[in-house]
Amino acid sequence: MATIFHTMHRYGDTLLKAYAAARSGYGIDFELLHFYVLRRRIEDVWVDIQRLTEESPGETETAKLLECIARGIAEVRAAYCR
């Protein structure tokens, strides 16, 4: 049951198993879940880019934001190019 959700959230697999157990007879649409997780990660990257361009953060905060943006882009690329 490992999915993109599992790779982007360390307890994702456990959460999906618990959800499936609680909702017997209900199937998870993994393609749709994949879409929403990717979209959320892209939105997070966009918010970080906006903060960089609109808030003029200090050097330390800029470095943190750039690191988060690079990690987010790498995660999206890895998940999208599966």
PDB file of N, CA and C in Angstrom:
ATOM      1  N   MET A   1       0.812  -1.181   0.000  1.00  0.00           N
ATOM      2  CA  MET A   1       0.000   0.000   0.000  1.00  0.00           C
ATOM      3  C   MET A   1       0.871   1.267   0.000  1.00  0.00           C
ATOM      4  N   ALA A   2       2.167   1.119  -0.246  1.00  0.00           N
ATOM      5  CA  ALA A   2       3.045   2.294  -0.280  1.00  0.00           C
ATOM      6  C   ALA A   2       2.681   3.176  -1.470  1.00  0.00           C
ATOM      7  N   THR A   3       2.535   4.429  -1.215  1.00  0.00           N
ATOM      8  CA  THR A   3       2.163   5.392  -2.244  1.00  0.00           C
ATOM      9  C   THR A   3       3.031   6.626  -2.102  1.00  0.00           C
ATOM     10  N   ILE A   4       2.743   7.623  -2.910  1.00  0.00           N
ATOM     11  CA  ILE A   4       3.429   8.904  -2.764  1.00  0.00           C
ATOM     12  C   ILE A   4       3.173   9.464  -1.373  1.00  0.00           C
ATOM     13  N   PHE A   5       2.002   9.210  -0.831  1.00  0.00           N
ATOM     14  CA  PHE A   5       1.660   9.690   0.499  1.00  0.00           C
ATOM     15  C   PHE A   5       2.658   9.147   1.512  1.00  0.00           C
ATOM     16  N   HIS A   6       3.034   7.895   1.331  1.00  0.00           N
ATOM     17  CA  HIS A   6       4.005   7.249   2.217  1.00  0.00           C
ATOM     18  C   HIS A   6       5.365   7.922   2.090  1.00  0.00           C
ATOM     19  N   THR A   7       5.757   8.271   0.889  1.00  0.00           N
ATOM     20  CA  THR A   7       7.079   8.859   0.703  1.00  0.00           C
ATOM     21  C   THR A   7       7.139  10.296   1.197  1.00  0.00           C
ATOM     22  N   MET A   8       6.012  11.000   1.205  1.00  0.00           N
ATOM     23  CA  MET A   8       6.015  12.394   1.621  1.00  0.00           C
ATOM     24  C   MET A   8       5.613  12.569   3.086  1.00  0.00           C
ATOM     25  N   HIS A   9       5.146  11.521   3.712  1.00  0.00           N
ATOM     26  CA  HIS A   9       4.766  11.600   5.120  1.00  0.00           C
ATOM     27  C   HIS A   9       5.211  10.298   5.775  1.00  0.00           C
ATOM     28  N   ARG A  10       6.016  10.397   6.811  1.00  0.00           N
ATOM     29  CA  ARG A  10       6.617   9.175   7.356  1.00  0.00           C
ATOM     30  C   ARG A  10       5.614   8.203   7.953  1.00  0.00           C
ATOM     31  N   TYR A  11       4.427   8.665   8.326  1.00  0.00           N
ATOM     32  CA  TYR A  11       3.394   7.757   8.840  1.00  0.00           C
ATOM     33  C   TYR A  11       2.280   7.543   7.826  1.00  0.00           C
ATOM     34  N   GLY A  12       2.524   7.891   6.583  1.00  0.00           N
ATOM     35  CA  GLY A  12       1.501   7.802   5.545  1.00  0.00           C
ATOM     36  C   GLY A  12       0.953   6.403   5.362  1.00  0.00           C
ATOM     37  N   ASP A  13       1.835   5.417   5.330  1.00  0.00           N
ATOM     38  CA  ASP A  13       1.404   4.032   5.132  1.00  0.00           C
ATOM     39  C   ASP A  13       0.519   3.572   6.291  1.00  0.00           C
ATOM     40  N   THR A  14       0.898   3.920   7.506  1.00  0.00           N
ATOM     41  CA  THR A  14       0.118   3.563   8.690  1.00  0.00           C
ATOM     42  C   THR A  14      -1.253   4.232   8.644  1.00  0.00           C
ATOM     43  N   LEU A  15      -1.278   5.495   8.262  1.00  0.00           N
ATOM     44  CA  LEU A  15      -2.533   6.225   8.166  1.00  0.00           C
ATOM     45  C   LEU A  15      -3.464   5.597   7.133  1.00  0.00           C
ATOM     46  N   LEU A  16      -2.917   5.248   5.984  1.00  0.00           N
ATOM     47  CA  LEU A  16      -3.750   4.637   4.939  1.00  0.00           C
ATOM     48  C   LEU A  16      -4.300   3.282   5.384  1.00  0.00           C
ATOM     49  N   LYS A  17      -3.496   2.501   6.072  1.00  0.00           N
ATOM     50  CA  LYS A  17      -3.968   1.200   6.567  1.00  0.00           C
ATOM     51  C   LYS A  17      -5.074   1.378   7.607  1.00  0.00           C
ATOM     52  N   ALA A  18      -4.895   2.336   8.513  1.00  0.00           N
ATOM     53  CA  ALA A  18      -5.917   2.598   9.538  1.00  0.00           C
ATOM     54  C   ALA A  18      -7.200   3.100   8.896  1.00  0.00           C
ATOM     55  N   TYR A  19      -7.081   3.953   7.907  1.00  0.00           N
ATOM     56  CA  TYR A  19      -8.254   4.482   7.214  1.00  0.00           C
ATOM     57  C   TYR A  19      -8.997   3.355   6.497  1.00  0.00           C
ATOM     58  N   ALA A  20      -8.258   2.495   5.818  1.00  0.00           N
ATOM     59  CA  ALA A  20      -8.871   1.367   5.108  1.00  0.00           C
ATOM     60  C   ALA A  20      -9.573   0.427   6.096  1.00  0.00           C
ATOM     61  N   ALA A  21      -8.987   0.216   7.269  1.00  0.00           N
ATOM     62  CA  ALA A  21      -9.600  -0.645   8.281  1.00  0.00           C
ATOM     63  C   ALA A  21     -10.875  -0.021   8.837  1.00  0.00           C
ATOM     64  N   ALA A  22     -10.870   1.291   9.021  1.00  0.00           N
ATOM     65  CA  ALA A  22     -12.037   1.979   9.575  1.00  0.00           C
ATOM     66  C   ALA A  22     -13.166   2.090   8.559  1.00  0.00           C
ATOM     67  N   ARG A  23     -12.829   2.103   7.292  1.00  0.00           N
ATOM     68  CA  ARG A  23     -13.833   2.270   6.226  1.00  0.00           C
ATOM     69  C   ARG A  23     -13.887   1.011   5.368  1.00  0.00           C
ATOM     70  N   SER A  24     -14.224  -0.108   5.970  1.00  0.00           N
ATOM     71  CA  SER A  24     -14.249  -1.367   5.229  1.00  0.00           C
ATOM     72  C   SER A  24     -15.201  -1.262   4.035  1.00  0.00           C
ATOM     73  N   GLY A  25     -14.761  -1.796   2.933  1.00  0.00           N
ATOM     74  CA  GLY A  25     -15.572  -1.759   1.723  1.00  0.00           C
ATOM     75  C   GLY A  25     -15.379  -0.485   0.916  1.00  0.00           C
ATOM     76  N   TYR A  26     -14.597   0.437   1.433  1.00  0.00           N
ATOM     77  CA  TYR A  26     -14.352   1.691   0.727  1.00  0.00           C
ATOM     78  C   TYR A  26     -12.931   1.669   0.196  1.00  0.00           C
ATOM     79  N   GLY A  27     -12.791   1.872  -1.089  1.00  0.00           N
ATOM     80  CA  GLY A  27     -11.462   1.865  -1.692  1.00  0.00           C
ATOM     81  C   GLY A  27     -10.906   3.268  -1.857  1.00  0.00           C
ATOM     82  N   ILE A  28      -9.642   3.403  -1.612  1.00  0.00           N
ATOM     83  CA  ILE A  28      -8.973   4.691  -1.772  1.00  0.00           C
ATOM     84  C   ILE A  28      -8.583   4.850  -3.233  1.00  0.00           C
ATOM     85  N   ASP A  29      -8.906   5.980  -3.807  1.00  0.00           N
ATOM     86  CA  ASP A  29      -8.514   6.295  -5.179  1.00  0.00           C
ATOM     87  C   ASP A  29      -7.093   6.853  -5.122  1.00  0.00           C
ATOM     88  N   PHE A  30      -6.118   5.991  -5.354  1.00  0.00           N
ATOM     89  CA  PHE A  30      -4.725   6.394  -5.198  1.00  0.00           C
ATOM     90  C   PHE A  30      -4.284   7.413  -6.244  1.00  0.00           C
ATOM     91  N   GLU A  31      -4.872   7.367  -7.408  1.00  0.00           N
ATOM     92  CA  GLU A  31      -4.543   8.361  -8.423  1.00  0.00           C
ATOM     93  C   GLU A  31      -4.993   9.755  -7.971  1.00  0.00           C
ATOM     94  N   LEU A  32      -6.181   9.821  -7.400  1.00  0.00           N
ATOM     95  CA  LEU A  32      -6.699  11.094  -6.892  1.00  0.00           C
ATOM     96  C   LEU A  32      -5.889  11.564  -5.680  1.00  0.00           C
ATOM     97  N   LEU A  33      -5.544  10.644  -4.786  1.00  0.00           N
ATOM     98  CA  LEU A  33      -4.716  10.981  -3.634  1.00  0.00           C
ATOM     99  C   LEU A  33      -3.361  11.515  -4.108  1.00  0.00           C
ATOM    100  N   HIS A  34      -2.792  10.868  -5.097  1.00  0.00           N
ATOM    101  CA  HIS A  34      -1.521  11.300  -5.674  1.00  0.00           C
ATOM    102  C   HIS A  34      -1.643  12.735  -6.183  1.00  0.00           C
ATOM    103  N   PHE A  35      -2.717  13.035  -6.888  1.00  0.00           N
ATOM    104  CA  PHE A  35      -2.950  14.380  -7.404  1.00  0.00           C
ATOM    105  C   PHE A  35      -2.995  15.405  -6.280  1.00  0.00           C
ATOM    106  N   TYR A  36      -3.785  15.134  -5.243  1.00  0.00           N
ATOM    107  CA  TYR A  36      -3.944  16.095  -4.160  1.00  0.00           C
ATOM    108  C   TYR A  36      -2.665  16.296  -3.363  1.00  0.00           C
ATOM    109  N   VAL A  37      -1.898  15.243  -3.139  1.00  0.00           N
ATOM    110  CA  VAL A  37      -0.637  15.377  -2.409  1.00  0.00           C
ATOM    111  C   VAL A  37       0.351  16.196  -3.232  1.00  0.00           C
ATOM    112  N   LEU A  38       0.430  15.919  -4.526  1.00  0.00           N
ATOM    113  CA  LEU A  38       1.312  16.704  -5.394  1.00  0.00           C
ATOM    114  C   LEU A  38       0.884  18.168  -5.443  1.00  0.00           C
ATOM    115  N   ARG A  39      -0.409  18.401  -5.595  1.00  0.00           N
ATOM    116  CA  ARG A  39      -0.899  19.768  -5.655  1.00  0.00           C
ATOM    117  C   ARG A  39      -0.563  20.525  -4.377  1.00  0.00           C
ATOM    118  N   ARG A  40      -0.745  19.879  -3.243  1.00  0.00           N
ATOM    119  CA  ARG A  40      -0.435  20.520  -1.963  1.00  0.00           C
ATOM    120  C   ARG A  40       1.049  20.864  -1.871  1.00  0.00           C
ATOM    121  N   ARG A  41       1.902  19.957  -2.318  1.00  0.00           N
ATOM    122  CA  ARG A  41       3.350  20.212  -2.242  1.00  0.00           C
ATOM    123  C   ARG A  41       3.729  21.364  -3.162  1.00  0.00           C
ATOM    124  N   ILE A  42       3.119  21.421  -4.342  1.00  0.00           N
ATOM    125  CA  ILE A  42       3.375  22.525  -5.276  1.00  0.00           C
ATOM    126  C   ILE A  42       2.911  23.844  -4.661  1.00  0.00           C
ATOM    127  N   GLU A  43       1.758  23.833  -3.993  1.00  0.00           N
ATOM    128  CA  GLU A  43       1.265  25.034  -3.323  1.00  0.00           C
ATOM    129  C   GLU A  43       2.229  25.488  -2.222  1.00  0.00           C
ATOM    130  N   ASP A  44       2.795  24.539  -1.484  1.00  0.00           N
ATOM    131  CA  ASP A  44       3.769  24.878  -0.444  1.00  0.00           C
ATOM    132  C   ASP A  44       4.992  25.564  -1.049  1.00  0.00           C
ATOM    133  N   VAL A  45       5.469  25.035  -2.174  1.00  0.00           N
ATOM    134  CA  VAL A  45       6.614  25.638  -2.861  1.00  0.00           C
ATOM    135  C   VAL A  45       6.253  27.054  -3.305  1.00  0.00           C
ATOM    136  N   TRP A  46       5.061  27.221  -3.856  1.00  0.00           N
ATOM    137  CA  TRP A  46       4.623  28.530  -4.318  1.00  0.00           C
ATOM    138  C   TRP A  46       4.574  29.546  -3.171  1.00  0.00           C
ATOM    139  N   VAL A  47       4.068  29.131  -2.023  1.00  0.00           N
ATOM    140  CA  VAL A  47       3.999  30.026  -0.863  1.00  0.00           C
ATOM    141  C   VAL A  47       5.410  30.455  -0.439  1.00  0.00           C
ATOM    142  N   ASP A  48       6.346  29.519  -0.449  1.00  0.00           N
ATOM    143  CA  ASP A  48       7.722  29.861  -0.099  1.00  0.00           C
ATOM    144  C   ASP A  48       8.328  30.847  -1.103  1.00  0.00           C
ATOM    145  N   ILE A  49       8.034  30.656  -2.385  1.00  0.00           N
ATOM    146  CA  ILE A  49       8.526  31.582  -3.410  1.00  0.00           C
ATOM    147  C   ILE A  49       7.919  32.965  -3.195  1.00  0.00           C
ATOM    148  N   GLN A  50       6.635  33.010  -2.892  1.00  0.00           N
ATOM    149  CA  GLN A  50       5.989  34.297  -2.617  1.00  0.00           C
ATOM    150  C   GLN A  50       6.627  35.000  -1.428  1.00  0.00           C
ATOM    151  N   ARG A  51       6.917  34.244  -0.384  1.00  0.00           N
ATOM    152  CA  ARG A  51       7.558  34.838   0.792  1.00  0.00           C
ATOM    153  C   ARG A  51       8.911  35.435   0.423  1.00  0.00           C
ATOM    154  N   LEU A  52       9.664  34.731  -0.424  1.00  0.00           N
ATOM    155  CA  LEU A  52      10.968  35.244  -0.850  1.00  0.00           C
ATOM    156  C   LEU A  52      10.842  36.561  -1.605  1.00  0.00           C
ATOM    157  N   THR A  53       9.859  36.631  -2.472  1.00  0.00           N
ATOM    158  CA  THR A  53       9.739  37.800  -3.346  1.00  0.00           C
ATOM    159  C   THR A  53       8.976  38.962  -2.723  1.00  0.00           C
ATOM    160  N   GLU A  54       8.103  38.682  -1.778  1.00  0.00           N
ATOM    161  CA  GLU A  54       7.247  39.738  -1.240  1.00  0.00           C
ATOM    162  C   GLU A  54       7.625  40.219   0.154  1.00  0.00           C
ATOM    163  N   GLU A  55       8.323  39.407   0.927  1.00  0.00           N
ATOM    164  CA  GLU A  55       8.583  39.762   2.316  1.00  0.00           C
ATOM    165  C   GLU A  55      10.004  40.233   2.589  1.00  0.00           C
ATOM    166  N   SER A  56      10.910  40.089   1.646  1.00  0.00           N
ATOM    167  CA  SER A  56      12.316  40.464   1.838  1.00  0.00           C
ATOM    168  C   SER A  56      12.883  39.884   3.137  1.00  0.00           C
ATOM    169  N   PRO A  57      12.928  38.547   3.243  1.00  0.00           N
ATOM    170  CA  PRO A  57      13.432  37.934   4.477  1.00  0.00           C
ATOM    171  C   PRO A  57      14.945  38.163   4.636  1.00  0.00           C
ATOM    172  N   GLY A  58      15.410  37.976   5.848  1.00  0.00           N
ATOM    173  CA  GLY A  58      16.842  38.100   6.126  1.00  0.00           C
ATOM    174  C   GLY A  58      17.625  36.953   5.505  1.00  0.00           C
ATOM    175  N   GLU A  59      18.933  37.008   5.678  1.00  0.00           N
ATOM    176  CA  GLU A  59      19.818  36.015   5.073  1.00  0.00           C
ATOM    177  C   GLU A  59      19.521  34.592   5.540  1.00  0.00           C
ATOM    178  N   THR A  60      19.335  34.417   6.831  1.00  0.00           N
ATOM    179  CA  THR A  60      19.074  33.088   7.388  1.00  0.00           C
ATOM    180  C   THR A  60      17.740  32.543   6.887  1.00  0.00           C
ATOM    181  N   GLU A  61      16.722  33.372   6.930  1.00  0.00           N
ATOM    182  CA  GLU A  61      15.392  32.950   6.468  1.00  0.00           C
ATOM    183  C   GLU A  61      15.400  32.673   4.971  1.00  0.00           C
ATOM    184  N   THR A  62      16.126  33.479   4.208  1.00  0.00           N
ATOM    185  CA  THR A  62      16.232  33.249   2.760  1.00  0.00           C
ATOM    186  C   THR A  62      16.874  31.897   2.481  1.00  0.00           C
ATOM    187  N   ALA A  63      17.932  31.576   3.207  1.00  0.00           N
ATOM    188  CA  ALA A  63      18.600  30.287   3.024  1.00  0.00           C
ATOM    189  C   ALA A  63      17.652  29.136   3.348  1.00  0.00           C
ATOM    190  N   LYS A  64      16.879  29.280   4.446  1.00  0.00           N
ATOM    191  CA  LYS A  64      15.906  28.240   4.814  1.00  0.00           C
ATOM    192  C   LYS A  64      14.835  28.079   3.746  1.00  0.00           C
ATOM    193  N   LEU A  65      14.328  29.205   3.246  1.00  0.00           N
ATOM    194  CA  LEU A  65      13.289  29.149   2.212  1.00  0.00           C
ATOM    195  C   LEU A  65      13.814  28.510   0.933  1.00  0.00           C
ATOM    196  N   LEU A  66      15.023  28.873   0.534  1.00  0.00           N
ATOM    197  CA  LEU A  66      15.607  28.286  -0.678  1.00  0.00           C
ATOM    198  C   LEU A  66      15.805  26.785  -0.525  1.00  0.00           C
ATOM    199  N   GLU A  67      16.201  26.361   0.673  1.00  0.00           N
ATOM    200  CA  GLU A  67      16.351  24.933   0.941  1.00  0.00           C
ATOM    201  C   GLU A  67      15.005  24.216   0.857  1.00  0.00           C
ATOM    202  N   CYS A  68      13.971  24.813   1.439  1.00  0.00           N
ATOM    203  CA  CYS A  68      12.622  24.229   1.389  1.00  0.00           C
ATOM    204  C   CYS A  68      12.099  24.164  -0.050  1.00  0.00           C
ATOM    205  N   ILE A  69      12.356  25.210  -0.808  1.00  0.00           N
ATOM    206  CA  ILE A  69      11.915  25.238  -2.203  1.00  0.00           C
ATOM    207  C   ILE A  69      12.618  24.151  -2.997  1.00  0.00           C
ATOM    208  N   ALA A  70      13.917  24.030  -2.834  1.00  0.00           N
ATOM    209  CA  ALA A  70      14.678  23.007  -3.562  1.00  0.00           C
ATOM    210  C   ALA A  70      14.208  21.608  -3.187  1.00  0.00           C
ATOM    211  N   ARG A  71      13.975  21.373  -1.886  1.00  0.00           N
ATOM    212  CA  ARG A  71      13.498  20.060  -1.431  1.00  0.00           C
ATOM    213  C   ARG A  71      12.097  19.783  -1.978  1.00  0.00           C
ATOM    214  N   GLY A  72      11.239  20.795  -1.969  1.00  0.00           N
ATOM    215  CA  GLY A  72       9.877  20.629  -2.481  1.00  0.00           C
ATOM    216  C   GLY A  72       9.866  20.307  -3.966  1.00  0.00           C
ATOM    217  N   ILE A  73      10.687  21.024  -4.727  1.00  0.00           N
ATOM    218  CA  ILE A  73      10.767  20.764  -6.166  1.00  0.00           C
ATOM    219  C   ILE A  73      11.295  19.352  -6.419  1.00  0.00           C
ATOM    220  N   ALA A  74      12.292  18.933  -5.658  1.00  0.00           N
ATOM    221  CA  ALA A  74      12.835  17.576  -5.813  1.00  0.00           C
ATOM    222  C   ALA A  74      11.780  16.522  -5.491  1.00  0.00           C
ATOM    223  N   GLU A  75      10.978  16.759  -4.445  1.00  0.00           N
ATOM    224  CA  GLU A  75       9.916  15.808  -4.086  1.00  0.00           C
ATOM    225  C   GLU A  75       8.849  15.735  -5.169  1.00  0.00           C
ATOM    226  N   VAL A  76       8.469  16.880  -5.695  1.00  0.00           N
ATOM    227  CA  VAL A  76       7.458  16.894  -6.757  1.00  0.00           C
ATOM    228  C   VAL A  76       8.006  16.198  -8.004  1.00  0.00           C
ATOM    229  N   ARG A  77       9.236  16.512  -8.357  1.00  0.00           N
ATOM    230  CA  ARG A  77       9.838  15.889  -9.538  1.00  0.00           C
ATOM    231  C   ARG A  77       9.906  14.362  -9.379  1.00  0.00           C
ATOM    232  N   ALA A  78      10.331  13.910  -8.210  1.00  0.00           N
ATOM    233  CA  ALA A  78      10.433  12.463  -7.960  1.00  0.00           C
ATOM    234  C   ALA A  78       9.053  11.804  -8.016  1.00  0.00           C
ATOM    235  N   ALA A  79       8.060  12.470  -7.457  1.00  0.00           N
ATOM    236  CA  ALA A  79       6.707  11.899  -7.418  1.00  0.00           C
ATOM    237  C   ALA A  79       6.029  11.972  -8.771  1.00  0.00           C
ATOM    238  N   TYR A  80       6.261  13.033  -9.507  1.00  0.00           N
ATOM    239  CA  TYR A  80       5.604  13.221 -10.801  1.00  0.00           C
ATOM    240  C   TYR A  80       6.224  12.324 -11.859  1.00  0.00           C
ATOM    241  N   CYS A  81       7.489  12.100 -11.776  1.00  0.00           N
ATOM    242  CA  CYS A  81       8.203  11.310 -12.780  1.00  0.00           C
ATOM    243  C   CYS A  81       8.319   9.856 -12.364  1.00  0.00           C
ATOM    244  N   ARG A  82       7.297   9.338 -11.742  1.00  0.00           N
ATOM    245  CA  ARG A  82       7.345   7.940 -11.257  1.00  0.00           C
ATOM    246  C   ARG A  82       7.114   6.955 -12.354  1.00  0.00           C
TER     247      ARG A  82
END
